[in-house]
C-alpha atoms as a PDB file:
ATOM      1  CA  UNK A   1    -140.778 -34.113 -10.920  1.00  0.00           C
ATOM      2  CA  UNK A   2    -137.557 -35.486  -9.485  1.00  0.00           C
ATOM      3  CA  UNK A   3    -134.224 -33.899 -10.118  1.00  0.00           C
ATOM      4  CA  UNK A   4    -131.923 -35.937 -12.294  1.00  0.00           C
ATOM      5  CA  UNK A   5    -128.680 -37.198 -10.883  1.00  0.00           C
ATOM      6  CA  UNK A   6    -125.446 -35.941 -12.390  1.00  0.00           C
ATOM      7  CA  UNK A   7    -124.888 -39.227 -14.233  1.00  0.00           C
ATOM      8  CA  UNK A   8    -128.283 -39.029 -15.911  1.00  0.00           C
ATOM      9  CA  UNK A   9    -127.731 -35.373 -16.791  1.00  0.00           C
ATOM     10  CA  UNK A  10    -124.319 -36.121 -18.288  1.00  0.00           C
ATOM     11  CA  UNK A  11    -125.757 -39.082 -20.208  1.00  0.00           C
ATOM     12  CA  UNK A  12    -128.520 -36.851 -21.612  1.00  0.00           C
ATOM     13  CA  UNK A  13    -126.028 -34.156 -22.593  1.00  0.00           C
ATOM     14  CA  UNK A  14    -123.767 -36.690 -24.327  1.00  0.00           C
ATOM     15  CA  UNK A  15    -126.753 -38.201 -26.127  1.00  0.00           C
ATOM     16  CA  UNK A  16    -127.978 -34.785 -27.212  1.00  0.00           C
ATOM     17  CA  UNK A  17    -124.467 -33.898 -28.418  1.00  0.00           C
ATOM     18  CA  UNK A  18    -124.218 -37.061 -30.505  1.00  0.00           C
ATOM     19  CA  UNK A  19    -127.649 -36.457 -32.031  1.00  0.00           C
ATOM     20  CA  UNK A  20    -126.843 -32.803 -32.772  1.00  0.00           C
ATOM     21  CA  UNK A  21    -123.491 -33.621 -34.399  1.00  0.00           C
ATOM     22  CA  UNK A  22    -125.105 -36.395 -36.444  1.00  0.00           C
ATOM     23  CA  UNK A  23    -127.885 -34.079 -37.604  1.00  0.00           C
ATOM     24  CA  UNK A  24    -125.475 -31.294 -38.585  1.00  0.00           C
ATOM     25  CA  UNK A  25    -123.228 -33.769 -40.405  1.00  0.00           C
ATOM     26  CA  UNK A  26    -126.183 -35.280 -42.277  1.00  0.00           C
ATOM     27  CA  UNK A  27    -127.473 -31.863 -43.355  1.00  0.00           C
ATOM     28  CA  UNK A  28    -123.964 -30.899 -44.513  1.00  0.00           C
ATOM     29  CA  UNK A  29    -123.651 -34.179 -46.432  1.00  0.00           C
ATOM     30  CA  UNK A  30    -127.024 -33.715 -48.176  1.00  0.00           C
ATOM     31  CA  UNK A  31    -126.216 -30.120 -49.103  1.00  0.00           C
ATOM     32  CA  UNK A  32    -122.796 -31.142 -50.446  1.00  0.00           C
ATOM     33  CA  UNK A  33    -124.225 -34.028 -52.465  1.00  0.00           C
ATOM     34  CA  UNK A  34    -126.995 -31.820 -53.828  1.00  0.00           C
ATOM     35  CA  UNK A  35    -124.938 -28.762 -54.773  1.00  0.00           C
ATOM     36  CA  UNK A  36    -121.267 -29.581 -55.303  1.00  0.00           C
ATOM     37  CA  UNK A  37    -121.587 -32.227 -58.066  1.00  0.00           C
ATOM     38  CA  UNK A  38    -123.889 -29.954 -60.057  1.00  0.00           C
ATOM     39  CA  UNK A  39    -122.009 -26.674 -59.572  1.00  0.00           C
ATOM     40  CA  UNK A  40    -118.356 -27.760 -59.477  1.00  0.00           C
ATOM     41  CA  UNK A  41    -118.446 -31.298 -60.840  1.00  0.00           C
ATOM     42  CA  UNK A  42    -117.172 -32.822 -57.575  1.00  0.00           C
ATOM     43  CA  UNK A  43    -118.035 -36.314 -56.377  1.00  0.00           C
ATOM     44  CA  UNK A  44    -120.546 -37.095 -53.664  1.00  0.00           C
ATOM     45  CA  UNK A  45    -119.361 -37.743 -50.113  1.00  0.00           C
ATOM     46  CA  UNK A  46    -120.297 -40.174 -47.358  1.00  0.00           C
ATOM     47  CA  UNK A  47    -121.388 -39.386 -43.794  1.00  0.00           C
ATOM     48  CA  UNK A  48    -117.892 -39.873 -42.359  1.00  0.00           C
ATOM     49  CA  UNK A  49    -116.280 -37.782 -45.100  1.00  0.00           C
ATOM     50  CA  UNK A  50    -118.772 -35.060 -44.247  1.00  0.00           C
ATOM     51  CA  UNK A  51    -117.879 -35.333 -40.558  1.00  0.00           C
ATOM     52  CA  UNK A  52    -114.198 -35.157 -41.442  1.00  0.00           C
ATOM     53  CA  UNK A  53    -114.697 -32.012 -43.505  1.00  0.00           C
ATOM     54  CA  UNK A  54    -116.589 -30.362 -40.664  1.00  0.00           C
ATOM     55  CA  UNK A  55    -113.873 -31.233 -38.142  1.00  0.00           C
ATOM     56  CA  UNK A  56    -111.130 -30.092 -40.507  1.00  0.00           C
ATOM     57  CA  UNK A  57    -112.878 -26.756 -41.157  1.00  0.00           C
ATOM     58  CA  UNK A  58    -113.331 -26.273 -37.405  1.00  0.00           C
ATOM     59  CA  UNK A  59    -109.620 -26.826 -36.833  1.00  0.00           C
ATOM     60  CA  UNK A  60    -108.563 -24.574 -39.709  1.00  0.00           C
ATOM     61  CA  UNK A  61    -110.922 -21.662 -39.163  1.00  0.00           C
ATOM     62  CA  UNK A  62    -111.293 -21.444 -35.385  1.00  0.00           C
ATOM     63  CA  UNK A  63    -108.769 -23.751 -33.740  1.00  0.00           C
ATOM     64  CA  UNK A  64    -105.943 -21.263 -33.270  1.00  0.00           C
ATOM     65  CA  UNK A  65    -108.043 -18.340 -32.026  1.00  0.00           C
ATOM     66  CA  UNK A  66    -109.390 -19.798 -28.796  1.00  0.00           C
ATOM     67  CA  UNK A  67    -107.102 -20.119 -25.794  1.00  0.00           C
ATOM     68  CA  UNK A  68    -107.110 -23.446 -24.006  1.00  0.00           C
ATOM     69  CA  UNK A  69    -108.743 -23.915 -20.612  1.00  0.00           C
ATOM     70  CA  UNK A  70    -105.339 -23.920 -18.918  1.00  0.00           C
ATOM     71  CA  UNK A  71    -104.370 -20.650 -20.599  1.00  0.00           C
ATOM     72  CA  UNK A  72    -107.627 -18.988 -19.519  1.00  0.00           C
ATOM     73  CA  UNK A  73    -107.128 -20.284 -15.979  1.00  0.00           C
ATOM     74  CA  UNK A  74    -103.583 -18.883 -15.814  1.00  0.00           C
ATOM     75  CA  UNK A  75    -104.755 -15.524 -17.170  1.00  0.00           C
ATOM     76  CA  UNK A  76    -107.496 -15.415 -14.572  1.00  0.00           C
ATOM     77  CA  UNK A  77    -105.010 -16.168 -11.788  1.00  0.00           C
ATOM     78  CA  UNK A  78    -102.678 -13.408 -13.028  1.00  0.00           C
ATOM     79  CA  UNK A  79    -105.599 -10.980 -13.037  1.00  0.00           C
ATOM     80  CA  UNK A  80    -106.603 -11.939  -9.492  1.00  0.00           C
ATOM     81  CA  UNK A  81    -103.001 -11.599  -8.302  1.00  0.00           C
ATOM     82  CA  UNK A  82    -102.753  -8.167  -9.943  1.00  0.00           C
ATOM     83  CA  UNK A  83    -106.024  -7.036  -8.354  1.00  0.00           C
ATOM     84  CA  UNK A  84    -104.836  -8.242  -4.939  1.00  0.00           C
ATOM     85  CA  UNK A  85    -101.565  -6.330  -5.334  1.00  0.00           C
ATOM     86  CA  UNK A  86    -103.420  -3.183  -6.354  1.00  0.00           C
ATOM     87  CA  UNK A  87    -105.713  -3.384  -3.312  1.00  0.00           C
ATOM     88  CA  UNK A  88    -102.675  -3.895  -1.094  1.00  0.00           C
ATOM     89  CA  UNK A  89    -100.901  -0.863  -2.591  1.00  0.00           C
ATOM     90  CA  UNK A  90    -104.013   1.254  -2.241  1.00  0.00           C
ATOM     91  CA  UNK A  91    -104.310   0.283   1.414  1.00  0.00           C
ATOM     92  CA  UNK A  92    -100.618   1.045   2.028  1.00  0.00           C
ATOM     93  CA  UNK A  93    -100.963   4.449   0.354  1.00  0.00           C
ATOM     94  CA  UNK A  94    -103.928   5.305   2.575  1.00  0.00           C
ATOM     95  CA  UNK A  95    -101.916   4.307   5.642  1.00  0.00           C
ATOM     96  CA  UNK A  96     -99.004   6.501   4.554  1.00  0.00           C
ATOM     97  CA  UNK A  97    -101.383   9.362   3.887  1.00  0.00           C
ATOM     98  CA  UNK A  98    -102.915   9.103   7.344  1.00  0.00           C
ATOM     99  CA  UNK A  99     -99.437   8.896   8.906  1.00  0.00           C
ATOM    100  CA  UNK A 100     -98.393  12.059   7.072  1.00  0.00           C
ATOM    101  CA  UNK A 101    -101.466  13.962   8.144  1.00  0.00           C
ATOM    102  CA  UNK A 102    -101.009  12.811  11.752  1.00  0.00           C
ATOM    103  CA  UNK A 103     -97.355  13.910  11.790  1.00  0.00           C
ATOM    104  CA  UNK A 104     -98.232  17.395  10.451  1.00  0.00           C
ATOM    105  CA  UNK A 105    -100.589  18.056  13.315  1.00  0.00           C
END
């Protein structure tokens, strides 16, 4: 079996994403149209209204909690810089310690 090129892999991932989003939206729409008119007396919704509700709920309930890619990248760089500084300080302290022990002898 041949390995897929990156373009084919990306095309498959995009296709799978579209199918998955469509399936989730359709299930949400059917559940809404089955339950909400009976329980709460609301009207039925279309596919695109269902998609809009899902996007809106994603924005409202989880949009503010996740840092952006750029924020995660900056945090990672700060952590690496801090770790580098700590290693440097540790090395300098060891050098000072060896200098002190050498001078005592």
